[in-house]
Protein backbone atom coordinates (compact mmCIF):
# COMPACT_ATOMS: atom_id res chain seq x y z
CA UNK A 1 0.00 0.00 0.00
CA UNK A 2 1.35 3.40 -0.94
CA UNK A 3 1.42 6.36 1.42
CA UNK A 4 -0.04 9.71 0.44
CA UNK A 5 2.53 12.44 1.09
CA UNK A 6 1.92 16.19 1.10
CA UNK A 7 5.12 18.10 0.52
CA UNK A 8 5.74 21.71 -0.38
CA UNK A 9 8.02 24.61 0.24
CA UNK A 10 6.51 26.85 2.90
CA UNK A 11 7.42 30.16 4.42
CA UNK A 12 8.43 30.36 8.06
CA UNK A 13 4.94 31.66 8.86
CA UNK A 14 3.24 28.71 7.15
CA UNK A 15 2.31 29.87 3.64
CA UNK A 16 2.76 27.55 0.65
CA UNK A 17 1.98 30.42 -1.69
CA UNK A 18 2.67 34.07 -0.86
CA UNK A 19 0.21 36.85 -1.63
CA UNK A 20 3.04 38.92 -3.04
CA UNK A 21 6.30 37.55 -4.39
CA UNK A 22 8.05 34.31 -3.66
CA UNK A 23 8.49 32.34 -0.48
CA UNK A 24 12.10 33.38 0.04
CA UNK A 25 15.39 31.71 -0.55
CA UNK A 26 16.53 28.26 0.36
CA UNK A 27 15.14 25.70 -2.05
CA UNK A 28 17.08 26.59 -5.15
CA UNK A 29 20.54 25.33 -4.17
CA UNK A 30 22.02 22.04 -5.35
CA UNK A 31 22.21 20.48 -1.88
CA UNK A 32 18.48 20.97 -1.25
CA UNK A 33 17.45 20.00 -4.77
CA UNK A 34 19.49 16.80 -4.60
CA UNK A 35 17.96 15.96 -1.22
CA UNK A 36 14.43 16.50 -2.58
CA UNK A 37 15.22 14.41 -5.64
CA UNK A 38 16.52 11.55 -3.51
CA UNK A 39 13.56 11.82 -1.14
CA UNK A 40 10.92 11.53 -3.86
CA UNK A 41 12.75 9.34 -6.39
CA UNK A 42 10.47 6.38 -5.74
CA UNK A 43 7.15 8.24 -5.94
CA UNK A 44 4.90 6.39 -8.35
CA UNK A 45 2.16 9.01 -8.81
CA UNK A 46 1.94 12.78 -8.44
CA UNK A 47 -1.48 14.33 -7.78
CA UNK A 48 -1.69 17.93 -8.99
CA UNK A 49 -4.16 20.73 -9.39
CA UNK A 50 -3.97 22.57 -12.71
CA UNK A 51 -1.73 25.41 -11.52
CA UNK A 52 0.77 23.11 -9.82
CA UNK A 53 0.82 20.86 -12.88
CA UNK A 54 1.52 23.83 -15.13
CA UNK A 55 4.49 24.66 -12.90
CA UNK A 56 5.80 21.10 -12.70
CA UNK A 57 5.42 20.20 -16.40
CA UNK A 58 8.75 22.02 -16.84
CA UNK A 59 10.34 18.70 -15.84
CA UNK A 60 9.00 17.00 -18.97
CA UNK A 61 11.78 18.65 -21.01
CA UNK A 62 14.28 19.90 -18.39
CA UNK A 63 16.67 17.04 -19.14
CA UNK A 64 17.12 18.30 -22.72
CA UNK A 65 18.88 21.51 -21.65
CA UNK A 66 22.56 20.91 -22.51
CA UNK A 67 23.59 23.08 -19.55
CA UNK A 68 21.41 21.23 -17.02
CA UNK A 69 23.46 19.91 -14.12
CA UNK A 70 23.23 16.19 -13.26
CA UNK A 71 20.87 16.68 -10.29
CA UNK A 72 18.39 18.52 -12.55
CA UNK A 73 18.60 15.84 -15.24
CA UNK A 74 18.05 13.11 -12.62
CA UNK A 75 15.01 14.86 -11.13
CA UNK A 76 13.54 15.34 -14.62
CA UNK A 77 14.01 11.64 -15.43
CA UNK A 78 12.41 10.58 -12.14
CA UNK A 79 9.47 12.95 -12.67
CA UNK A 80 8.95 11.68 -16.21
CA UNK A 81 8.90 8.05 -14.99
CA UNK A 82 6.03 8.69 -12.56
CA UNK A 83 2.31 8.79 -13.30
CA UNK A 84 0.60 12.18 -13.01
CA UNK A 85 -3.06 12.84 -12.25
CA UNK A 86 -4.21 16.42 -12.77
CA UNK A 87 -7.48 17.60 -11.22
CA UNK A 88 -8.88 20.38 -13.37
CA UNK A 89 -12.22 21.49 -14.77
CA UNK A 90 -10.52 23.68 -17.39
CA UNK A 91 -7.40 21.88 -18.65
CA UNK A 92 -8.26 20.29 -21.98
CA UNK A 93 -5.18 18.14 -22.50
CA UNK A 94 -1.98 17.15 -20.76
CA UNK A 95 1.39 18.30 -22.06
CA UNK A 96 3.36 15.47 -20.50
CA UNK A 97 3.47 11.70 -20.87
CA UNK A 98 1.96 9.39 -18.26
CA UNK A 99 -0.61 12.04 -17.36
CA UNK A 100 -4.36 11.87 -17.08
CA UNK A 101 -6.88 14.56 -16.27
CA UNK A 102 -9.68 14.11 -13.76
CA UNK A 103 -12.43 16.72 -13.50
CA UNK A 104 -13.15 16.20 -9.77
CA UNK A 105 -11.11 15.16 -6.76
CA UNK A 106 -12.64 11.90 -5.56
CA UNK A 107 -11.43 10.81 -2.09
CA UNK A 108 -12.64 7.24 -2.63
CA UNK A 109 -10.66 6.96 -5.87
CA UNK A 110 -7.54 8.20 -4.06
CA UNK A 111 -8.12 5.66 -1.25
CA UNK A 112 -8.32 2.94 -3.89
CA UNK A 113 -5.17 4.24 -5.59
CA UNK A 114 -3.31 4.13 -2.26
CA UNK A 115 -4.56 0.60 -1.54
CA UNK A 116 -3.49 -0.80 -4.90
CA UNK A 117 -0.20 1.10 -5.21
CA UNK A 118 3.14 -0.42 -4.26
CA UNK A 119 4.75 3.03 -4.44
CA UNK A 120 4.10 6.30 -2.65
CA UNK A 121 1.87 9.07 -3.99
CA UNK A 122 2.26 12.80 -3.47
CA UNK A 123 -0.40 15.47 -3.40
CA UNK A 124 1.01 18.84 -4.41
CA UNK A 125 -0.48 22.27 -4.07
CA UNK A 126 -2.29 23.75 -1.07
CA UNK A 127 -5.80 23.68 -2.58
CA UNK A 128 -5.70 20.03 -3.62
CA UNK A 129 -3.88 19.03 -0.43
CA UNK A 130 -6.60 20.73 1.63
CA UNK A 131 -9.15 18.39 0.06
CA UNK A 132 -6.96 15.35 0.77
CA UNK A 133 -6.35 16.48 4.36
CA UNK A 134 -10.08 17.08 4.94
CA UNK A 135 -10.77 13.55 3.65
CA UNK A 136 -8.16 12.14 6.09
CA UNK A 137 -6.07 10.74 3.23
CA UNK A 138 -2.62 12.21 3.98
CA UNK A 139 -0.20 9.88 5.77
CA UNK A 140 2.91 12.08 5.85
CA UNK A 141 3.80 15.76 5.66
CA UNK A 142 7.15 16.95 4.32
CA UNK A 143 7.70 20.66 4.92
CA UNK A 144 10.59 22.56 3.37
CA UNK A 145 10.60 25.75 5.44
CA UNK A 146 12.27 28.86 4.04
CA UNK A 147 13.82 31.68 6.03
CA UNK A 148 11.13 34.20 5.08
CA UNK A 149 7.96 35.48 6.76
CA UNK A 150 5.63 36.50 3.94
CA UNK A 151 2.59 37.70 5.89
CA UNK A 152 -0.17 36.13 3.83
CA UNK A 153 -1.22 33.89 0.98
CA UNK A 154 -2.36 30.28 0.81
CA UNK A 155 -1.56 28.37 3.95
CA UNK A 156 0.33 25.07 3.90
CA UNK A 157 -2.25 23.62 6.31
CA UNK A 158 -5.88 24.54 5.71
CA UNK A 159 -7.79 26.45 8.37
CA UNK A 160 -10.24 24.50 10.52
CA UNK A 161 -8.28 21.24 10.53
CA UNK A 162 -6.71 19.70 13.62
CA UNK A 163 -3.84 17.27 13.11
CA UNK A 164 -1.71 15.49 15.68
CA UNK A 165 1.58 14.54 14.09
CA UNK A 166 4.79 12.76 15.05
CA UNK A 167 8.15 14.19 13.97
CA UNK A 168 10.02 11.57 11.95
CA UNK A 169 13.03 13.51 10.67
CA UNK A 170 14.43 17.01 10.50
CA UNK A 171 17.38 18.56 8.74
CA UNK A 172 18.82 22.05 8.41
CA UNK A 173 20.60 23.07 5.21
CA UNK A 174 23.40 25.60 4.75
CA UNK A 175 20.95 27.80 2.81
CA UNK A 176 18.85 28.19 5.97
CA UNK A 177 16.05 25.97 4.70
CA UNK A 178 14.72 23.46 7.23
CA UNK A 179 13.21 20.11 6.29
CA UNK A 180 10.65 18.63 8.68
CA UNK A 181 9.01 15.24 8.06
CA UNK A 182 5.91 14.35 10.07
CA UNK A 183 3.69 11.27 10.14
CA UNK A 184 0.02 11.25 11.14
CA UNK A 185 -0.80 9.49 14.40
């Protein structure tokens, strides 16, 4: 059975998407990117909303850049190998291989996917993750916390949800970014 993992970069004050500007520095260095690549190398399926998919589809061709460093090429290859499910009412077609579009997020379908999968699944993007969290589907949370307080935006954790979590692992990077891995109780 695969685990459903929610992982995103988040500001120090808990926003996965800032109202204005980016989330601050920390995730763009090679050490962090290599760590993230190693961490999610064995993910079998990525669950995305349309906006997150449109950001991540970059990896469909990133390996073709002749100046791409090895850790970027590796991440691109790993991303391409995984299945992608995009939840969107407006996206007409996928621009990457191994990708299907679903019009509605169906918690029962995700439960079935977890039960039949021998690899982990990630849910990416705060809006889609909020639906998975509300349906009690998320098994693990991987936060990559930047050094910035951004003051507003879309929260990593949705309002109105109580979660009791156990810390599994933590790591601080030279860039100031902190990785925190939690498991649901």
